[in-house]
Amino acid sequence: MFKSIAKAAVAATAVLAGAAQAADLKVGGKGFTEQLLIAEITTQYLEAKGHSVEKIDGMGTSVVRAALENGQVDLYWEYTGTSLITFNKVEEKLDREATYAKVKELDAEKGITWLAPSAANNTYALAVRESDDKGLSSLSDLATAYNAGKKVNLGVNAEFPKRPDGLPGLEKAYGFDIGRRDITPMQGGLIYQALNEGEIDAGLVFATDGRIAAFGFKVLADDKGFFPDYALTPTVRTEVLEANPELSEQLNALSTLITDDLMRSLNARVDVEKVTIEDVATEFLTAQGLI
């Protein structure tokens, strides 16, 4: 009997200890380099500010958003254009400021607060090799090529063919219909390698990816302005922000440092120079005097 009581006491102590050590903030993130980086930067930064943080990254777009809405994560960095079109189904063309204002308004109704947007705009883009551009300079050129029956093999990730701000919307805006033979789905990070090695003719890229310049890619001009602004911005569950009001100032201060050039540089450190995400995050935070 006494042994049973002792075991129960030990078990209870372990549970209490676990509860005491539980993270007070859960930082989410998606599964590509920039998101893995910003999640790690945020984790290290908030830990330096005295928070206990659990990082939960590597998720898909819809998964991490659902995790934020249902409380599985407390905050993550989202792109304004993604919320506008994918989550809130807004089809109206809006500029950068109006896009931010609209998602801030609509997501507030869902218990999500958008903090200060960064200057980084990680919009979708399609790119070709500068050395073999197939005569393409714009998305209109690409549409013309497809409509003429020319073969231009396009590498895309799993999400792009399904998103309204992806291929379906692009086809509608530019008036073309890409055949299945011309689409090569692959993991997002592999698109850059496949394009660089000539395995595909064009590829889906992100504007702040450091490999665009490193590999000598040419980004096709979005001459009809289809892709919206994708300002990288911290989003936080409103109830978490109310319980931790200091988060607003802390994350806004971090957001002001994030620019296109900075993200290209940090992304390149990981994808081109092969430095670990943890080390790149620490380098950045140390250089900025944040840790």
Protein backbone atom coordinates (compact mmCIF):
# COMPACT_ATOMS: atom_id res chain seq x y z
CA MET A 1 0.00 0.00 0.00
CA PHE A 2 2.76 2.41 1.00
CA LYS A 3 4.64 1.58 -2.21
CA SER A 4 1.52 2.42 -4.23
CA ILE A 5 1.15 5.73 -2.43
CA ALA A 6 4.83 6.49 -2.97
CA LYS A 7 4.54 5.70 -6.68
CA ALA A 8 1.47 7.90 -6.96
CA ALA A 9 3.31 10.72 -5.23
CA VAL A 10 6.27 10.39 -7.58
CA ALA A 11 3.93 10.38 -10.58
CA ALA A 12 2.09 13.45 -9.33
CA THR A 13 5.37 15.25 -8.76
CA ALA A 14 6.46 14.43 -12.29
CA VAL A 15 3.22 15.78 -13.73
CA LEU A 16 3.50 18.96 -11.72
CA ALA A 17 7.12 19.38 -12.75
CA GLY A 18 6.13 18.90 -16.37
CA ALA A 19 3.39 21.48 -16.01
CA ALA A 20 5.79 23.91 -14.38
CA GLN A 21 8.22 23.51 -17.28
CA ALA A 22 5.58 23.78 -20.00
CA ALA A 23 6.29 26.54 -22.49
CA ASP A 24 4.22 29.68 -22.02
CA LEU A 25 4.38 30.43 -25.77
CA LYS A 26 4.10 28.15 -28.77
CA VAL A 27 5.66 29.56 -31.94
CA GLY A 28 4.48 28.06 -35.20
CA GLY A 29 6.02 28.02 -38.65
CA LYS A 30 5.66 26.61 -42.13
CA GLY A 31 8.00 24.14 -43.78
CA PHE A 32 10.27 26.16 -46.07
CA THR A 33 13.55 27.93 -45.34
CA GLU A 34 12.27 31.45 -44.70
CA GLN A 35 9.57 30.22 -42.35
CA LEU A 36 11.90 27.84 -40.55
CA LEU A 37 14.31 30.75 -40.12
CA ILE A 38 11.77 33.26 -38.86
CA ALA A 39 10.34 30.70 -36.43
CA GLU A 40 13.83 29.99 -35.05
CA ILE A 41 14.70 33.70 -34.87
CA THR A 42 11.46 34.38 -33.01
CA THR A 43 12.03 31.48 -30.64
CA GLN A 44 15.57 32.53 -29.72
CA TYR A 45 14.52 36.18 -29.44
CA LEU A 46 11.56 35.55 -27.16
CA GLU A 47 13.58 33.18 -25.00
CA ALA A 48 16.14 35.97 -24.58
CA LYS A 49 13.24 38.16 -23.45
CA GLY A 50 12.42 35.68 -20.69
CA HIS A 51 9.69 33.62 -22.30
CA SER A 52 9.61 29.83 -22.27
CA VAL A 53 9.01 28.86 -25.89
CA GLU A 54 8.04 25.71 -27.75
CA LYS A 55 8.68 25.85 -31.49
CA ILE A 56 6.30 23.90 -33.73
CA ASP A 57 7.33 24.41 -37.34
CA GLY A 58 7.41 22.51 -40.62
CA MET A 59 3.66 22.79 -41.16
CA GLY A 60 1.69 23.49 -44.32
CA THR A 61 -0.06 26.82 -44.79
CA SER A 62 -3.58 25.65 -43.95
CA VAL A 63 -2.32 23.51 -41.07
CA VAL A 64 -0.43 26.26 -39.27
CA ARG A 65 -3.32 28.68 -39.70
CA ALA A 66 -5.73 26.13 -38.26
CA ALA A 67 -3.29 25.55 -35.40
CA LEU A 68 -3.34 29.28 -34.64
CA GLU A 69 -7.12 29.43 -34.72
CA ASN A 70 -7.60 26.43 -32.44
CA GLY A 71 -4.86 27.35 -29.97
CA GLN A 72 -2.27 24.70 -30.85
CA VAL A 73 0.15 27.54 -31.59
CA ASP A 74 0.08 31.04 -30.14
CA LEU A 75 1.81 32.97 -32.90
CA TYR A 76 3.49 32.65 -36.26
CA TRP A 77 4.55 34.87 -39.15
CA GLU A 78 2.05 34.94 -42.00
CA TYR A 79 1.95 36.72 -45.36
CA THR A 80 -0.75 39.34 -45.89
CA GLY A 81 -1.64 38.11 -49.38
CA THR A 82 -2.11 34.56 -48.15
CA SER A 83 -4.63 35.62 -45.53
CA LEU A 84 -6.39 37.97 -47.93
CA ILE A 85 -7.00 35.43 -50.69
CA THR A 86 -6.59 31.95 -49.22
CA PHE A 87 -8.14 32.41 -45.79
CA ASN A 88 -10.54 35.30 -46.33
CA LYS A 89 -11.43 34.71 -50.01
CA VAL A 90 -11.09 38.39 -50.95
CA GLU A 91 -10.89 38.70 -54.73
CA GLU A 92 -10.66 42.50 -54.90
CA LYS A 93 -7.26 43.84 -55.99
CA LEU A 94 -5.76 45.78 -53.10
CA ASP A 95 -2.46 47.59 -52.63
CA ARG A 96 -0.02 46.85 -49.82
CA GLU A 97 -1.60 49.11 -47.21
CA ALA A 98 -5.17 48.12 -48.04
CA THR A 99 -4.26 44.43 -48.00
CA TYR A 100 -2.82 44.73 -44.50
CA ALA A 101 -5.80 46.76 -43.26
CA LYS A 102 -8.28 44.24 -44.67
CA VAL A 103 -6.65 41.12 -43.18
CA LYS A 104 -6.18 42.89 -39.86
CA GLU A 105 -9.89 43.71 -39.82
CA LEU A 106 -11.16 40.31 -40.98
CA ASP A 107 -8.86 38.19 -38.83
CA ALA A 108 -9.63 40.23 -35.72
CA GLU A 109 -13.10 38.68 -35.93
CA LYS A 110 -11.43 35.27 -35.65
CA GLY A 111 -9.40 36.15 -32.58
CA ILE A 112 -6.18 36.86 -34.47
CA THR A 113 -4.19 40.08 -34.16
CA TRP A 114 -1.86 41.24 -36.93
CA LEU A 115 1.10 43.19 -35.55
CA ALA A 116 3.34 45.56 -37.52
CA PRO A 117 4.12 44.27 -41.02
CA SER A 118 7.75 43.91 -42.03
CA ALA A 119 9.15 45.45 -45.22
CA ALA A 120 9.75 41.96 -46.65
CA ASN A 121 7.38 41.04 -49.48
CA ASN A 122 7.83 37.35 -50.20
CA THR A 123 5.48 37.24 -53.15
CA TYR A 124 5.14 34.36 -55.58
CA ALA A 125 7.09 34.63 -58.82
CA LEU A 126 7.96 32.45 -61.79
CA ALA A 127 11.56 32.34 -62.93
CA VAL A 128 13.67 30.98 -65.78
CA ARG A 129 17.41 30.57 -66.22
CA GLU A 130 19.05 33.78 -67.38
CA SER A 131 21.26 31.68 -69.65
CA ASP A 132 18.28 29.90 -71.26
CA ASP A 133 15.18 32.02 -70.78
CA LYS A 134 13.17 30.53 -73.69
CA GLY A 135 12.59 34.07 -74.92
CA LEU A 136 10.45 34.85 -71.87
CA SER A 137 10.55 38.11 -69.95
CA SER A 138 7.05 38.37 -68.50
CA LEU A 139 4.10 36.27 -67.45
CA SER A 140 2.30 37.50 -70.56
CA ASP A 141 5.13 35.99 -72.61
CA LEU A 142 4.64 32.72 -70.75
CA ALA A 143 0.89 32.77 -71.43
CA THR A 144 1.55 33.41 -75.13
CA ALA A 145 3.95 30.47 -75.25
CA TYR A 146 1.42 28.09 -73.68
CA ASN A 147 -1.36 29.32 -75.95
CA ALA A 148 0.88 28.70 -78.97
CA GLY A 149 1.42 25.11 -77.86
CA LYS A 150 5.05 25.59 -76.92
CA LYS A 151 6.41 23.23 -74.29
CA VAL A 152 7.55 25.07 -71.17
CA ASN A 153 7.88 22.66 -68.28
CA LEU A 154 6.94 24.44 -65.05
CA GLY A 155 8.06 23.19 -61.64
CA VAL A 156 5.66 23.99 -58.80
CA ASN A 157 5.12 22.98 -55.19
CA ALA A 158 2.11 21.01 -53.95
CA GLU A 159 0.08 24.09 -52.94
CA PHE A 160 0.44 26.31 -56.01
CA PRO A 161 -1.89 24.39 -58.40
CA LYS A 162 -4.70 24.52 -55.81
CA ARG A 163 -4.49 28.04 -54.37
CA PRO A 164 -6.65 30.87 -55.71
CA ASP A 165 -3.58 33.11 -55.51
CA GLY A 166 -1.64 30.39 -57.34
CA LEU A 167 -2.04 28.68 -60.69
CA PRO A 168 -5.86 28.81 -61.07
CA GLY A 169 -5.94 32.57 -60.56
CA LEU A 170 -2.84 33.08 -62.68
CA GLU A 171 -4.35 31.19 -65.61
CA LYS A 172 -7.52 33.25 -65.38
CA ALA A 173 -5.69 36.57 -65.11
CA TYR A 174 -3.35 35.90 -68.03
CA GLY A 175 -5.74 33.89 -70.19
CA PHE A 176 -3.99 30.56 -70.58
CA ASP A 177 -4.52 26.94 -69.61
CA ILE A 178 -1.40 24.97 -68.80
CA GLY A 179 -1.65 21.29 -69.63
CA ARG A 180 -0.76 18.59 -67.14
CA ARG A 181 2.21 17.58 -69.30
CA ASP A 182 3.79 20.96 -68.64
CA ILE A 183 3.53 20.82 -64.82
CA THR A 184 6.09 19.08 -62.64
CA PRO A 185 5.05 19.01 -58.97
CA MET A 186 7.88 18.74 -56.46
CA GLN A 187 8.97 19.79 -53.01
CA GLY A 188 9.44 23.55 -53.00
CA GLY A 189 13.15 23.54 -52.23
CA LEU A 190 13.88 21.15 -55.07
CA ILE A 191 12.45 23.53 -57.68
CA TYR A 192 15.52 25.75 -57.48
CA GLN A 193 17.89 22.82 -57.97
CA ALA A 194 15.82 21.40 -60.84
CA LEU A 195 15.70 24.77 -62.59
CA ASN A 196 19.40 25.38 -62.04
CA GLU A 197 20.25 21.98 -63.53
CA GLY A 198 17.93 22.37 -66.52
CA GLU A 199 15.48 19.66 -65.50
CA ILE A 200 12.60 22.15 -65.82
CA ASP A 201 12.23 25.25 -68.00
CA ALA A 202 10.60 27.54 -65.45
CA GLY A 203 9.92 27.32 -61.76
CA LEU A 204 7.89 28.75 -58.92
CA VAL A 205 10.11 30.87 -56.67
CA PHE A 206 9.66 33.22 -53.76
CA ALA A 207 10.84 36.80 -54.15
CA THR A 208 13.01 36.82 -51.02
CA ASP A 209 14.82 33.55 -51.79
CA GLY A 210 18.59 34.00 -51.93
CA ARG A 211 18.98 31.32 -54.60
CA ILE A 212 17.42 33.53 -57.29
CA ALA A 213 20.54 35.67 -57.52
CA ALA A 214 22.96 32.91 -56.55
CA PHE A 215 21.79 30.65 -59.39
CA GLY A 216 21.39 33.39 -61.97
CA PHE A 217 17.62 33.15 -62.36
CA LYS A 218 15.52 35.68 -64.23
CA VAL A 219 12.18 36.50 -62.62
CA LEU A 220 9.35 36.93 -65.12
CA ALA A 221 7.64 40.30 -64.74
CA ASP A 222 4.12 40.12 -63.35
CA ASP A 223 3.03 42.67 -65.95
CA LYS A 224 -0.68 42.42 -65.08
CA GLY A 225 -0.04 42.70 -61.36
CA PHE A 226 -1.72 39.42 -60.46
CA PHE A 227 0.21 38.44 -57.36
CA PRO A 228 -0.79 40.43 -54.26
CA ASP A 229 1.56 41.81 -51.65
CA TYR A 230 2.84 39.19 -49.21
CA ALA A 231 4.21 41.23 -46.32
CA LEU A 232 5.76 38.93 -43.71
CA THR A 233 3.98 39.80 -40.47
CA PRO A 234 3.68 38.37 -36.95
CA THR A 235 0.17 37.13 -36.18
CA VAL A 236 -0.81 36.34 -32.60
CA ARG A 237 -3.88 34.90 -30.94
CA THR A 238 -5.58 37.93 -29.41
CA GLU A 239 -6.14 36.27 -26.03
CA VAL A 240 -2.42 35.42 -25.84
CA LEU A 241 -1.53 39.03 -26.64
CA GLU A 242 -3.88 40.26 -23.93
CA ALA A 243 -2.20 37.93 -21.43
CA ASN A 244 1.27 38.94 -22.63
CA PRO A 245 0.97 42.61 -23.72
CA GLU A 246 4.75 42.96 -23.93
CA LEU A 247 4.69 40.69 -27.00
CA SER A 248 3.36 43.51 -29.14
CA GLU A 249 6.34 45.78 -28.58
CA GLN A 250 8.81 42.89 -28.74
CA LEU A 251 7.56 41.42 -32.01
CA ASN A 252 7.02 44.82 -33.62
CA ALA A 253 10.63 45.70 -32.85
CA LEU A 254 11.74 42.50 -34.56
CA SER A 255 9.44 43.09 -37.53
CA THR A 256 10.96 46.52 -38.24
CA LEU A 257 14.31 44.83 -38.94
CA ILE A 258 12.99 42.42 -41.58
CA THR A 259 13.51 43.58 -45.18
CA ASP A 260 13.67 41.93 -48.60
CA ASP A 261 17.47 42.21 -48.69
CA LEU A 262 17.84 40.83 -45.19
CA MET A 263 15.67 37.80 -45.89
CA ARG A 264 17.47 37.10 -49.19
CA SER A 265 20.75 37.22 -47.30
CA LEU A 266 19.59 34.99 -44.45
CA ASN A 267 17.89 32.53 -46.80
CA ALA A 268 21.05 32.32 -48.91
CA ARG A 269 23.13 31.59 -45.83
CA VAL A 270 21.02 28.46 -45.33
CA ASP A 271 20.25 27.35 -48.88
CA VAL A 272 23.46 28.36 -50.68
CA GLU A 273 26.14 28.44 -47.98
CA LYS A 274 24.62 25.52 -46.04
CA VAL A 275 24.82 27.14 -42.61
CA THR A 276 22.35 25.69 -40.11
CA ILE A 277 19.11 27.54 -39.45
CA GLU A 278 19.94 27.73 -35.74
CA ASP A 279 23.34 29.32 -36.42
CA VAL A 280 21.96 31.82 -38.94
CA ALA A 281 19.27 32.87 -36.48
CA THR A 282 21.84 33.32 -33.71
CA GLU A 283 24.17 35.30 -36.01
CA PHE A 284 21.37 37.67 -36.97
CA LEU A 285 20.11 38.23 -33.43
CA THR A 286 23.65 38.73 -32.11
CA ALA A 287 24.52 41.20 -34.87
CA GLN A 288 21.39 43.19 -34.03
CA GLY A 289 22.19 43.15 -30.32
CA LEU A 290 18.96 41.30 -29.54
CA ILE A 291 20.55 38.41 -27.65
